[in-house]
Amino acid sequence: MFDFTKEEYERIKEKAMLNDELSKIFEMKIKGCSNTEIAYKLHLSDRTFDRRLRLLKKKIMRVI
């Protein structure tokens, strides 16, 4: 799902108007971090992380 080039990442980040939290999630997913690892590092519960990830995917789908 998150296999983008640096240019694609920057374009998506800009056009989707990602907030800081979603930008961090997006960047960490691109780097190959697991969902559990990201949730832990951002101090999010698994359920909250899942909601944020769904929102991120929606925003990405709108711009690609």
Protein backbone atom coordinates (compact mmCIF):
# COMPACT_ATOMS: atom_id res chain seq x y z
CA MET A 1 0.00 0.00 0.00
CA PHE A 2 2.71 2.49 0.93
CA ASP A 3 5.26 1.96 -1.82
CA PHE A 4 5.89 5.51 -3.02
CA THR A 5 8.93 7.38 -4.28
CA LYS A 6 10.12 10.44 -2.36
CA GLU A 7 8.56 12.71 -4.99
CA GLU A 8 5.23 10.87 -4.82
CA TYR A 9 5.33 11.01 -1.01
CA GLU A 10 5.91 14.77 -1.03
CA ARG A 11 3.17 15.38 -3.61
CA ILE A 12 0.65 13.24 -1.71
CA LYS A 13 1.60 14.84 1.60
CA GLU A 14 1.06 18.31 0.14
CA LYS A 15 -2.13 17.63 -1.84
CA ALA A 16 -3.80 15.56 0.88
CA MET A 17 -3.06 18.29 3.43
CA LEU A 18 -1.87 15.81 6.05
CA ASN A 19 -1.55 17.04 9.61
CA ASP A 20 1.63 16.31 11.59
CA GLU A 21 0.34 13.04 13.03
CA LEU A 22 -0.81 11.64 9.69
CA SER A 23 2.44 12.77 8.07
CA LYS A 24 4.41 10.86 10.70
CA ILE A 25 2.30 7.74 10.20
CA PHE A 26 2.69 8.01 6.41
CA GLU A 27 6.45 8.45 6.65
CA MET A 28 6.86 5.56 9.11
CA LYS A 29 4.73 3.24 6.93
CA ILE A 30 6.87 4.10 3.91
CA LYS A 31 9.97 3.25 5.96
CA GLY A 32 8.46 -0.16 6.70
CA CYS A 33 7.49 0.25 10.35
CA SER A 34 4.77 -2.06 11.65
CA ASN A 35 1.42 -0.73 12.82
CA THR A 36 2.19 -1.76 16.40
CA GLU A 37 5.56 0.00 16.29
CA ILE A 38 4.03 3.21 14.93
CA ALA A 39 1.20 3.20 17.49
CA TYR A 40 3.72 2.72 20.29
CA LYS A 41 6.05 5.48 19.09
CA LEU A 42 3.17 7.94 18.65
CA HIS A 43 1.52 6.94 21.96
CA LEU A 44 -1.70 5.81 20.29
CA SER A 45 -3.94 2.91 21.22
CA ASP A 46 -4.35 0.23 18.56
CA ARG A 47 -7.91 1.32 17.93
CA THR A 48 -6.97 5.00 17.56
CA PHE A 49 -4.11 4.05 15.26
CA ASP A 50 -6.48 1.98 13.10
CA ARG A 51 -8.81 5.00 12.77
CA ARG A 52 -5.91 7.28 11.83
CA LEU A 53 -4.66 4.75 9.27
CA ARG A 54 -8.11 4.48 7.66
CA LEU A 55 -8.26 8.28 7.45
CA LEU A 56 -4.78 8.40 5.93
CA LYS A 57 -5.69 5.79 3.31
CA LYS A 58 -8.84 7.76 2.40
CA LYS A 59 -6.87 10.96 1.96
CA ILE A 60 -4.25 9.20 -0.17
CA MET A 61 -6.90 7.60 -2.39
CA ARG A 62 -8.45 11.03 -3.05
CA VAL A 63 -5.23 12.43 -4.49
CA ILE A 64 -3.94 9.49 -6.51
